[in-house]
N, C-alpha and C. Protein backbone atom coordinates (compact mmCIF):
# COMPACT_ATOMS: atom_id res chain seq x y z
N UNK A 1 101.93 -129.74 143.01
CA UNK A 1 101.88 -130.19 141.64
C UNK A 1 102.24 -129.04 140.69
N UNK A 2 101.86 -127.83 141.05
CA UNK A 2 102.20 -126.69 140.20
C UNK A 2 103.70 -126.55 140.12
N UNK A 3 104.42 -126.80 141.22
CA UNK A 3 105.89 -126.73 141.18
C UNK A 3 106.43 -127.73 140.19
N UNK A 4 105.80 -128.90 140.09
CA UNK A 4 106.26 -129.92 139.15
C UNK A 4 106.19 -129.39 137.72
N UNK A 5 105.04 -128.87 137.34
CA UNK A 5 104.88 -128.39 135.98
C UNK A 5 105.72 -127.15 135.73
N UNK A 6 105.86 -126.31 136.74
CA UNK A 6 106.67 -125.11 136.58
C UNK A 6 108.13 -125.48 136.39
N UNK A 7 108.60 -126.47 137.17
CA UNK A 7 110.01 -126.83 137.08
C UNK A 7 110.33 -127.55 135.79
N UNK A 8 109.35 -128.17 135.17
CA UNK A 8 109.58 -128.85 133.90
C UNK A 8 109.37 -127.84 132.78
N UNK A 9 110.42 -127.15 132.40
CA UNK A 9 110.30 -126.02 131.48
C UNK A 9 110.38 -126.45 130.03
N UNK A 10 109.65 -127.49 129.69
CA UNK A 10 109.66 -127.96 128.31
C UNK A 10 109.13 -126.90 127.38
N UNK A 11 108.25 -126.04 127.88
CA UNK A 11 107.68 -125.02 127.01
C UNK A 11 108.74 -124.05 126.50
N UNK A 12 109.93 -124.09 127.06
CA UNK A 12 110.99 -123.24 126.52
C UNK A 12 111.31 -123.62 125.08
N UNK A 13 110.99 -124.84 124.68
CA UNK A 13 111.15 -125.21 123.28
C UNK A 13 110.31 -124.30 122.39
N UNK A 14 109.19 -123.86 122.92
CA UNK A 14 108.27 -123.05 122.14
C UNK A 14 108.55 -121.57 122.26
N UNK A 15 109.31 -121.16 123.26
CA UNK A 15 109.48 -119.74 123.49
C UNK A 15 110.90 -119.25 123.35
N UNK A 16 111.82 -120.07 122.86
CA UNK A 16 113.11 -119.50 122.56
C UNK A 16 114.34 -120.33 122.83
N UNK A 17 114.31 -121.33 123.66
CA UNK A 17 115.55 -122.05 123.95
C UNK A 17 116.01 -122.90 122.80
N UNK A 18 115.09 -123.51 122.07
CA UNK A 18 115.50 -124.37 120.97
C UNK A 18 115.45 -123.65 119.64
N UNK A 19 114.48 -122.78 119.45
CA UNK A 19 114.33 -122.11 118.17
C UNK A 19 114.38 -120.61 118.39
N UNK A 20 115.11 -119.92 117.53
CA UNK A 20 115.33 -118.49 117.72
C UNK A 20 114.03 -117.72 117.54
N UNK A 21 113.87 -116.67 118.29
CA UNK A 21 112.69 -115.82 118.22
C UNK A 21 112.83 -114.82 117.08
N UNK A 22 111.71 -114.38 116.53
CA UNK A 22 111.75 -113.37 115.48
C UNK A 22 111.93 -111.98 116.08
N UNK A 23 111.63 -111.81 117.36
CA UNK A 23 111.78 -110.53 118.04
C UNK A 23 113.23 -110.36 118.47
N UNK A 24 113.96 -109.41 117.93
CA UNK A 24 115.38 -109.27 118.27
C UNK A 24 115.60 -108.93 119.74
N UNK A 25 114.60 -108.37 120.42
CA UNK A 25 114.75 -108.01 121.83
C UNK A 25 114.59 -109.23 122.73
N UNK A 26 114.16 -110.37 122.18
CA UNK A 26 113.96 -111.56 123.01
C UNK A 26 115.29 -112.19 123.38
N UNK A 27 115.25 -113.07 124.34
CA UNK A 27 116.46 -113.78 124.75
C UNK A 27 116.93 -114.67 123.61
N UNK A 28 118.23 -114.83 123.52
CA UNK A 28 118.79 -115.71 122.50
C UNK A 28 119.64 -116.76 123.19
N UNK A 29 119.98 -117.77 122.46
CA UNK A 29 120.80 -118.85 122.98
C UNK A 29 121.66 -119.38 121.86
N UNK A 30 122.65 -120.15 122.19
CA UNK A 30 123.47 -120.84 121.21
C UNK A 30 122.85 -122.21 120.99
N UNK A 31 122.65 -122.56 119.75
CA UNK A 31 122.05 -123.84 119.39
C UNK A 31 123.10 -124.69 118.69
N UNK A 32 123.34 -125.88 119.21
CA UNK A 32 124.29 -126.80 118.60
C UNK A 32 123.57 -128.10 118.32
N UNK A 33 123.70 -128.61 117.08
CA UNK A 33 123.04 -129.86 116.70
C UNK A 33 124.11 -130.83 116.21
N UNK A 34 124.19 -131.98 116.85
CA UNK A 34 125.09 -133.05 116.42
C UNK A 34 124.24 -134.15 115.79
N UNK A 35 124.71 -134.72 114.68
CA UNK A 35 123.94 -135.74 113.97
C UNK A 35 124.88 -136.59 113.14
N UNK A 36 124.37 -137.74 112.67
CA UNK A 36 125.17 -138.61 111.82
C UNK A 36 125.07 -138.19 110.36
N UNK A 37 123.84 -137.98 109.87
CA UNK A 37 123.65 -137.55 108.48
C UNK A 37 122.55 -136.50 108.40
N UNK A 38 122.64 -135.68 107.34
CA UNK A 38 121.62 -134.66 107.09
C UNK A 38 121.28 -134.65 105.62
N UNK A 39 120.01 -134.41 105.32
CA UNK A 39 119.54 -134.30 103.94
C UNK A 39 118.71 -133.02 103.88
N UNK A 40 119.21 -132.01 103.13
CA UNK A 40 118.53 -130.74 102.98
C UNK A 40 117.81 -130.74 101.64
N UNK A 41 116.51 -130.54 101.66
CA UNK A 41 115.72 -130.46 100.43
C UNK A 41 115.15 -129.05 100.33
N UNK A 42 115.77 -128.22 99.47
CA UNK A 42 115.33 -126.84 99.30
C UNK A 42 114.63 -126.66 97.95
N UNK A 43 114.17 -127.76 97.33
CA UNK A 43 113.59 -127.70 96.00
C UNK A 43 112.16 -127.16 95.98
N UNK A 44 111.47 -127.16 97.08
CA UNK A 44 110.08 -126.70 97.14
C UNK A 44 109.98 -125.38 97.89
N UNK A 45 108.79 -124.81 97.94
CA UNK A 45 108.58 -123.57 98.69
C UNK A 45 108.85 -123.80 100.17
N UNK A 46 108.50 -124.97 100.65
CA UNK A 46 108.77 -125.31 102.05
C UNK A 46 110.03 -126.17 102.07
N UNK A 47 111.06 -125.67 102.77
CA UNK A 47 112.32 -126.40 102.85
C UNK A 47 112.20 -127.51 103.89
N UNK A 48 112.86 -128.63 103.63
CA UNK A 48 112.83 -129.75 104.56
C UNK A 48 114.25 -130.15 104.91
N UNK A 49 114.47 -130.37 106.20
CA UNK A 49 115.77 -130.84 106.67
C UNK A 49 115.52 -132.13 107.42
N UNK A 50 116.16 -133.21 106.96
CA UNK A 50 116.03 -134.52 107.61
C UNK A 50 117.36 -134.85 108.27
N UNK A 51 117.31 -135.15 109.55
CA UNK A 51 118.51 -135.52 110.30
C UNK A 51 118.35 -136.94 110.82
N UNK A 52 119.46 -137.70 110.79
CA UNK A 52 119.44 -139.01 111.43
C UNK A 52 120.59 -139.05 112.41
N UNK A 53 120.50 -139.94 113.34
CA UNK A 53 121.38 -139.82 114.48
C UNK A 53 122.17 -141.05 114.83
N UNK A 54 122.51 -140.96 116.09
CA UNK A 54 121.84 -140.21 117.15
C UNK A 54 122.01 -138.70 117.00
N UNK A 55 120.94 -137.98 117.39
CA UNK A 55 120.91 -136.53 117.29
C UNK A 55 120.96 -135.95 118.70
N UNK A 56 121.79 -134.94 118.88
CA UNK A 56 121.88 -134.23 120.16
C UNK A 56 121.73 -132.75 119.87
N UNK A 57 120.67 -132.14 120.41
CA UNK A 57 120.42 -130.71 120.25
C UNK A 57 120.67 -130.08 121.61
N UNK A 58 121.58 -129.11 121.66
CA UNK A 58 121.95 -128.49 122.92
C UNK A 58 121.82 -126.98 122.82
N UNK A 59 121.21 -126.38 123.85
CA UNK A 59 121.20 -124.92 123.99
C UNK A 59 121.86 -124.60 125.33
N UNK A 60 121.81 -123.34 125.72
CA UNK A 60 122.40 -122.94 126.99
C UNK A 60 121.70 -123.60 128.18
N UNK A 61 120.42 -123.95 128.03
CA UNK A 61 119.65 -124.46 129.17
C UNK A 61 118.96 -125.79 128.92
N UNK A 62 119.10 -126.37 127.73
CA UNK A 62 118.28 -127.51 127.35
C UNK A 62 119.07 -128.49 126.50
N UNK A 63 118.75 -129.78 126.63
CA UNK A 63 119.32 -130.78 125.73
C UNK A 63 118.20 -131.71 125.27
N UNK A 64 118.15 -131.96 123.96
CA UNK A 64 117.19 -132.88 123.37
C UNK A 64 117.98 -133.93 122.62
N UNK A 65 117.66 -135.20 122.83
CA UNK A 65 118.27 -136.27 122.06
C UNK A 65 117.16 -137.08 121.39
N UNK A 66 117.45 -137.62 120.21
CA UNK A 66 116.50 -138.47 119.50
C UNK A 66 117.25 -139.22 118.40
N UNK A 67 116.53 -140.13 117.74
CA UNK A 67 117.14 -140.91 116.66
C UNK A 67 117.03 -140.23 115.30
N UNK A 68 115.87 -139.56 115.04
CA UNK A 68 115.63 -138.89 113.77
C UNK A 68 114.89 -137.58 114.03
N UNK A 69 115.08 -136.62 113.13
CA UNK A 69 114.36 -135.36 113.23
C UNK A 69 114.07 -134.84 111.83
N UNK A 70 112.95 -134.14 111.73
CA UNK A 70 112.54 -133.51 110.48
C UNK A 70 112.12 -132.08 110.83
N UNK A 71 112.65 -131.11 110.08
CA UNK A 71 112.33 -129.71 110.30
C UNK A 71 111.80 -129.15 108.99
N UNK A 72 110.62 -128.53 109.04
CA UNK A 72 110.04 -127.89 107.86
C UNK A 72 110.11 -126.38 108.05
N UNK A 73 110.64 -125.69 107.05
CA UNK A 73 110.75 -124.23 107.14
C UNK A 73 110.18 -123.60 105.88
N UNK A 74 109.70 -122.37 106.02
CA UNK A 74 109.23 -121.58 104.88
C UNK A 74 110.36 -120.69 104.42
N UNK A 75 110.33 -120.32 103.18
CA UNK A 75 111.35 -119.42 102.66
C UNK A 75 111.28 -118.07 103.34
N UNK A 76 112.45 -117.46 103.57
CA UNK A 76 112.46 -116.12 104.15
C UNK A 76 111.71 -115.17 103.24
N UNK A 77 111.02 -114.23 103.88
CA UNK A 77 110.28 -113.26 103.10
C UNK A 77 108.83 -113.67 102.88
N UNK A 78 108.52 -114.96 103.03
CA UNK A 78 107.13 -115.36 102.90
C UNK A 78 106.40 -115.01 104.19
N UNK A 79 105.13 -114.67 104.05
CA UNK A 79 104.37 -114.28 105.23
C UNK A 79 104.10 -115.51 106.07
N UNK A 80 104.44 -115.40 107.35
CA UNK A 80 104.22 -116.51 108.27
C UNK A 80 104.23 -115.98 109.69
N UNK A 81 103.60 -116.71 110.57
CA UNK A 81 103.63 -116.36 111.99
C UNK A 81 104.58 -117.28 112.74
N UNK A 82 105.28 -118.13 112.02
CA UNK A 82 106.20 -119.06 112.65
C UNK A 82 107.45 -118.36 113.14
N UNK A 83 108.25 -119.07 113.88
CA UNK A 83 109.49 -118.53 114.41
C UNK A 83 110.50 -118.38 113.28
N UNK A 84 111.12 -117.22 113.16
CA UNK A 84 112.03 -116.91 112.07
C UNK A 84 113.47 -117.29 112.45
N UNK A 85 114.18 -117.92 111.55
CA UNK A 85 115.60 -118.22 111.72
C UNK A 85 116.33 -117.79 110.45
N UNK A 86 117.63 -117.96 110.42
CA UNK A 86 118.37 -117.57 109.23
C UNK A 86 118.12 -118.50 108.04
N UNK A 87 117.51 -119.65 108.25
CA UNK A 87 117.17 -120.53 107.13
C UNK A 87 115.71 -120.38 106.74
N UNK A 88 114.98 -119.50 107.40
CA UNK A 88 113.57 -119.30 107.12
C UNK A 88 112.76 -119.45 108.39
N UNK A 89 111.45 -119.50 108.21
CA UNK A 89 110.55 -119.63 109.36
C UNK A 89 110.34 -121.11 109.67
N UNK A 90 110.56 -121.51 110.91
CA UNK A 90 110.33 -122.89 111.29
C UNK A 90 108.84 -123.11 111.45
N UNK A 91 108.29 -124.00 110.63
CA UNK A 91 106.86 -124.28 110.65
C UNK A 91 106.53 -125.51 111.49
N UNK A 92 107.47 -126.46 111.57
CA UNK A 92 107.16 -127.74 112.19
C UNK A 92 108.45 -128.48 112.50
N UNK A 93 108.48 -129.14 113.64
CA UNK A 93 109.62 -130.00 114.01
C UNK A 93 109.05 -131.33 114.47
N UNK A 94 109.60 -132.42 113.96
CA UNK A 94 109.23 -133.76 114.39
C UNK A 94 110.50 -134.48 114.82
N UNK A 95 110.52 -134.97 116.05
CA UNK A 95 111.63 -135.78 116.55
C UNK A 95 111.07 -137.16 116.88
N UNK A 96 111.75 -138.21 116.45
CA UNK A 96 111.26 -139.57 116.71
C UNK A 96 112.38 -140.46 117.22
N UNK A 97 111.97 -141.50 117.91
CA UNK A 97 112.91 -142.50 118.40
C UNK A 97 113.69 -142.07 119.61
N UNK A 98 113.35 -142.61 120.75
CA UNK A 98 114.08 -142.36 122.00
C UNK A 98 114.26 -140.87 122.29
N UNK A 99 113.18 -140.12 122.22
CA UNK A 99 113.23 -138.68 122.46
C UNK A 99 113.39 -138.43 123.96
N UNK A 100 114.41 -137.66 124.32
CA UNK A 100 114.64 -137.28 125.71
C UNK A 100 114.92 -135.79 125.75
N UNK A 101 114.16 -135.07 126.57
CA UNK A 101 114.37 -133.64 126.79
C UNK A 101 114.87 -133.49 128.21
N UNK A 102 115.97 -132.78 128.39
CA UNK A 102 116.52 -132.53 129.73
C UNK A 102 116.70 -131.04 129.92
N UNK A 103 116.24 -130.58 131.08
CA UNK A 103 116.46 -129.19 131.45
C UNK A 103 116.56 -129.14 132.96
N UNK A 104 117.71 -128.71 133.46
CA UNK A 104 117.92 -128.73 134.91
C UNK A 104 117.78 -130.15 135.42
N UNK A 105 116.97 -130.34 136.45
CA UNK A 105 116.77 -131.68 136.99
C UNK A 105 115.43 -132.26 136.54
N UNK A 106 114.91 -131.77 135.40
CA UNK A 106 113.66 -132.27 134.83
C UNK A 106 113.93 -132.97 133.50
N UNK A 107 113.13 -134.01 133.22
CA UNK A 107 113.27 -134.75 131.98
C UNK A 107 111.91 -135.11 131.44
N UNK A 108 111.84 -135.27 130.13
CA UNK A 108 110.66 -135.84 129.47
C UNK A 108 111.17 -136.90 128.51
N UNK A 109 110.49 -138.03 128.48
CA UNK A 109 110.84 -139.14 127.59
C UNK A 109 109.62 -139.45 126.72
N UNK A 110 109.84 -139.76 125.45
CA UNK A 110 108.75 -140.13 124.55
C UNK A 110 109.34 -140.81 123.31
N UNK A 111 108.49 -141.46 122.57
CA UNK A 111 108.91 -142.03 121.29
C UNK A 111 108.81 -141.03 120.17
N UNK A 112 107.98 -139.98 120.38
CA UNK A 112 107.71 -139.00 119.33
C UNK A 112 107.41 -137.65 119.96
N UNK A 113 107.98 -136.59 119.36
CA UNK A 113 107.71 -135.23 119.81
C UNK A 113 107.45 -134.37 118.58
N UNK A 114 106.36 -133.61 118.62
CA UNK A 114 106.05 -132.66 117.55
C UNK A 114 106.01 -131.26 118.14
N UNK A 115 106.58 -130.30 117.40
CA UNK A 115 106.54 -128.90 117.82
C UNK A 115 105.89 -128.09 116.70
N UNK A 116 104.89 -127.31 117.07
CA UNK A 116 104.18 -126.42 116.16
C UNK A 116 104.44 -124.99 116.64
N UNK A 117 105.51 -124.34 116.17
CA UNK A 117 105.89 -123.03 116.70
C UNK A 117 104.82 -121.96 116.56
N UNK A 118 104.11 -121.91 115.44
CA UNK A 118 103.10 -120.87 115.26
C UNK A 118 101.97 -121.00 116.28
N UNK A 119 101.67 -122.24 116.65
CA UNK A 119 100.62 -122.50 117.64
C UNK A 119 101.15 -122.51 119.07
N UNK A 120 102.48 -122.42 119.19
CA UNK A 120 103.14 -122.51 120.50
C UNK A 120 102.68 -123.79 121.21
N UNK A 121 102.83 -124.88 120.49
CA UNK A 121 102.31 -126.17 120.95
C UNK A 121 103.38 -127.25 120.79
N UNK A 122 103.51 -128.10 121.80
CA UNK A 122 104.43 -129.23 121.79
C UNK A 122 103.63 -130.46 122.17
N UNK A 123 103.79 -131.57 121.43
CA UNK A 123 103.05 -132.79 121.69
C UNK A 123 104.04 -133.93 121.88
N UNK A 124 103.93 -134.63 123.01
CA UNK A 124 104.72 -135.84 123.28
C UNK A 124 103.80 -137.04 123.15
N UNK A 125 104.23 -138.06 122.37
CA UNK A 125 103.45 -139.27 122.17
C UNK A 125 104.35 -140.48 122.27
N UNK A 126 103.74 -141.65 122.20
CA UNK A 126 104.42 -142.93 122.28
C UNK A 126 105.09 -143.08 123.64
N UNK A 127 104.27 -143.37 124.63
CA UNK A 127 104.69 -143.58 126.03
C UNK A 127 105.40 -142.38 126.64
N UNK A 128 104.81 -141.19 126.54
CA UNK A 128 105.48 -140.02 127.13
C UNK A 128 105.46 -140.05 128.64
N UNK A 129 106.53 -139.57 129.22
CA UNK A 129 106.63 -139.49 130.68
C UNK A 129 107.48 -138.28 131.02
N UNK A 130 107.00 -137.47 131.96
CA UNK A 130 107.75 -136.33 132.47
C UNK A 130 108.17 -136.66 133.89
N UNK A 131 109.42 -136.36 134.23
CA UNK A 131 109.97 -136.71 135.54
C UNK A 131 110.75 -135.53 136.09
N UNK A 132 110.56 -135.23 137.37
CA UNK A 132 111.41 -134.29 138.07
C UNK A 132 111.40 -134.68 139.54
N UNK A 133 112.16 -134.02 140.41
CA UNK A 133 112.22 -134.43 141.81
C UNK A 133 110.87 -134.41 142.53
N UNK A 134 109.90 -133.67 142.01
CA UNK A 134 108.60 -133.56 142.67
C UNK A 134 107.65 -134.68 142.28
N UNK A 135 107.97 -135.42 141.20
CA UNK A 135 107.10 -136.51 140.80
C UNK A 135 107.22 -136.81 139.33
N UNK A 136 106.18 -137.46 138.80
CA UNK A 136 106.17 -137.82 137.39
C UNK A 136 104.73 -137.83 136.86
N UNK A 137 104.62 -137.72 135.55
CA UNK A 137 103.34 -137.76 134.86
C UNK A 137 103.53 -138.61 133.62
N UNK A 138 102.59 -139.52 133.35
CA UNK A 138 102.64 -140.30 132.13
C UNK A 138 101.23 -140.46 131.58
N UNK A 139 101.13 -140.70 130.31
CA UNK A 139 99.84 -140.88 129.66
C UNK A 139 100.04 -141.32 128.23
N UNK A 140 98.97 -141.32 127.48
CA UNK A 140 99.03 -141.67 126.06
C UNK A 140 99.62 -140.51 125.26
N UNK A 141 99.24 -139.29 125.64
CA UNK A 141 99.70 -138.09 124.95
C UNK A 141 99.79 -136.96 125.97
N UNK A 142 100.86 -136.17 125.89
CA UNK A 142 101.02 -134.99 126.74
C UNK A 142 101.18 -133.80 125.80
N UNK A 143 100.30 -132.81 125.97
CA UNK A 143 100.27 -131.65 125.08
C UNK A 143 100.55 -130.39 125.88
N UNK A 144 101.55 -129.63 125.46
CA UNK A 144 101.89 -128.36 126.07
C UNK A 144 101.32 -127.25 125.19
N UNK A 145 100.45 -126.43 125.73
CA UNK A 145 99.86 -125.29 125.02
C UNK A 145 100.39 -124.03 125.68
N UNK A 146 101.58 -123.61 125.25
CA UNK A 146 102.29 -122.53 125.93
C UNK A 146 101.50 -121.23 125.88
N UNK A 147 100.85 -120.93 124.76
CA UNK A 147 100.09 -119.70 124.65
C UNK A 147 98.91 -119.64 125.61
N UNK A 148 98.37 -120.80 125.96
CA UNK A 148 97.24 -120.88 126.89
C UNK A 148 97.70 -121.18 128.31
N UNK A 149 98.99 -121.42 128.49
CA UNK A 149 99.56 -121.80 129.79
C UNK A 149 98.85 -123.04 130.33
N UNK A 150 98.73 -124.07 129.46
CA UNK A 150 98.04 -125.31 129.81
C UNK A 150 98.88 -126.50 129.41
N UNK A 151 98.71 -127.58 130.17
CA UNK A 151 99.28 -128.87 129.82
C UNK A 151 98.13 -129.87 129.88
N UNK A 152 97.93 -130.61 128.79
CA UNK A 152 96.88 -131.62 128.75
C UNK A 152 97.53 -133.00 128.77
N UNK A 153 97.01 -133.87 129.61
CA UNK A 153 97.49 -135.25 129.68
C UNK A 153 96.33 -136.13 129.26
N UNK A 154 96.50 -136.86 128.16
CA UNK A 154 95.42 -137.66 127.62
C UNK A 154 95.70 -139.15 127.76
N UNK A 155 94.65 -139.90 128.03
CA UNK A 155 94.71 -141.36 128.04
C UNK A 155 94.20 -141.86 126.70
N UNK A 156 94.50 -143.11 126.38
CA UNK A 156 94.01 -143.68 125.13
C UNK A 156 94.94 -144.75 124.63
N UNK A 157 94.57 -145.35 123.54
CA UNK A 157 95.39 -146.39 122.93
C UNK A 157 95.66 -147.53 123.89
N UNK A 158 96.90 -147.95 123.95
CA UNK A 158 97.29 -149.04 124.85
C UNK A 158 97.44 -148.57 126.28
N UNK A 159 97.32 -147.27 126.52
CA UNK A 159 97.44 -146.72 127.86
C UNK A 159 96.10 -146.07 128.22
N UNK A 160 95.13 -146.91 128.69
CA UNK A 160 93.78 -146.39 128.93
C UNK A 160 93.68 -145.42 130.10
N UNK A 161 94.68 -145.33 130.91
CA UNK A 161 94.66 -144.41 132.05
C UNK A 161 96.00 -143.70 132.16
N UNK A 162 95.95 -142.44 132.57
CA UNK A 162 97.16 -141.65 132.81
C UNK A 162 97.53 -141.77 134.27
N UNK A 163 98.77 -141.40 134.59
CA UNK A 163 99.26 -141.52 135.96
C UNK A 163 100.00 -140.25 136.36
N UNK A 164 99.73 -139.79 137.59
CA UNK A 164 100.49 -138.72 138.20
C UNK A 164 101.03 -139.24 139.52
N UNK A 165 102.31 -139.14 139.72
CA UNK A 165 102.94 -139.52 140.99
C UNK A 165 103.54 -138.26 141.60
N UNK A 166 103.14 -137.95 142.84
CA UNK A 166 103.66 -136.78 143.54
C UNK A 166 104.52 -137.29 144.69
N UNK A 167 105.77 -136.92 144.71
CA UNK A 167 106.69 -137.37 145.74
C UNK A 167 106.56 -136.55 147.01
N UNK A 168 106.85 -137.18 148.15
CA UNK A 168 106.93 -136.54 149.46
C UNK A 168 105.65 -135.80 149.86
N UNK A 169 104.51 -136.49 149.68
CA UNK A 169 103.22 -135.95 150.11
C UNK A 169 102.98 -136.40 151.54
N UNK A 170 102.50 -135.50 152.40
CA UNK A 170 102.21 -135.86 153.79
C UNK A 170 101.10 -136.89 153.84
N UNK A 171 101.24 -137.84 154.74
CA UNK A 171 100.23 -138.86 154.94
C UNK A 171 98.94 -138.24 155.45
N UNK A 172 97.83 -138.82 155.08
CA UNK A 172 96.52 -138.34 155.53
C UNK A 172 95.75 -139.45 156.23
N UNK A 173 96.45 -140.25 157.02
CA UNK A 173 95.85 -141.39 157.70
C UNK A 173 94.70 -141.03 158.61
N UNK A 174 94.73 -139.85 159.23
CA UNK A 174 93.65 -139.47 160.14
C UNK A 174 92.31 -139.40 159.43
N UNK A 175 92.32 -139.19 158.11
CA UNK A 175 91.07 -139.17 157.37
C UNK A 175 90.44 -140.55 157.25
N UNK A 176 91.24 -141.57 157.43
CA UNK A 176 90.77 -142.94 157.30
C UNK A 176 90.47 -143.56 158.66
N UNK A 177 90.31 -142.74 159.71
CA UNK A 177 89.95 -143.24 161.02
C UNK A 177 91.12 -143.53 161.92
N UNK A 178 92.34 -143.31 161.45
CA UNK A 178 93.50 -143.53 162.30
C UNK A 178 93.62 -142.37 163.27
N UNK A 179 93.99 -142.66 164.49
CA UNK A 179 94.14 -141.60 165.48
C UNK A 179 95.49 -140.94 165.33
N UNK A 180 95.45 -139.63 165.35
CA UNK A 180 96.70 -138.87 165.29
C UNK A 180 97.07 -138.42 166.68
N UNK A 181 98.19 -137.74 166.79
CA UNK A 181 98.61 -137.24 168.08
C UNK A 181 97.67 -136.15 168.53
N UNK A 182 97.35 -136.12 169.79
CA UNK A 182 96.43 -135.11 170.35
C UNK A 182 97.12 -134.38 171.47
N UNK A 183 96.80 -133.10 171.63
CA UNK A 183 97.41 -132.32 172.72
C UNK A 183 96.80 -132.68 174.05
N UNK A 184 95.64 -133.41 174.06
CA UNK A 184 94.99 -133.82 175.31
C UNK A 184 95.69 -135.01 175.95
N UNK A 185 96.39 -135.81 175.19
CA UNK A 185 97.06 -137.00 175.71
C UNK A 185 98.43 -136.61 176.26
N UNK A 186 98.74 -137.14 177.49
CA UNK A 186 100.06 -136.81 178.05
C UNK A 186 101.19 -137.50 177.32
């Protein structure tokens, strides 16, 4: 199961693949965003960028698709612990509608994704499901806490129970009274 969570590198959204790091020594990537329309609101202290789609966000190692996105940034020079970019510090990202994250052979699907860069936290909601060759996980809410190296899977709402499916697990029939092969039998 640890291989499953390790191979699903969604936390890279929080550590540099999607949003540039403020530390110049950190790894960088090329970020490309395709969208149908954009509305930039720079009239307040916190800048807002609204994108409608379909939206495709691509980095060197990751692709995110969704129907709509909202990015809130602080003005450069203001004190913040958020991730710094050339448009300011990214404080919050919200992606909605058919959210799909792909990285390698791992995927996550949800109706809603929120990213809190300062908290190094990513939240998938609205029928979230993570899938990779080792299995899948689904629940009401899936929370990635990158700073704590934790993933929380919560049940609730219309999905009272969460599910984990692990592929290619060895059978344990002998525990249920079934006889296994023995070296004493010819």
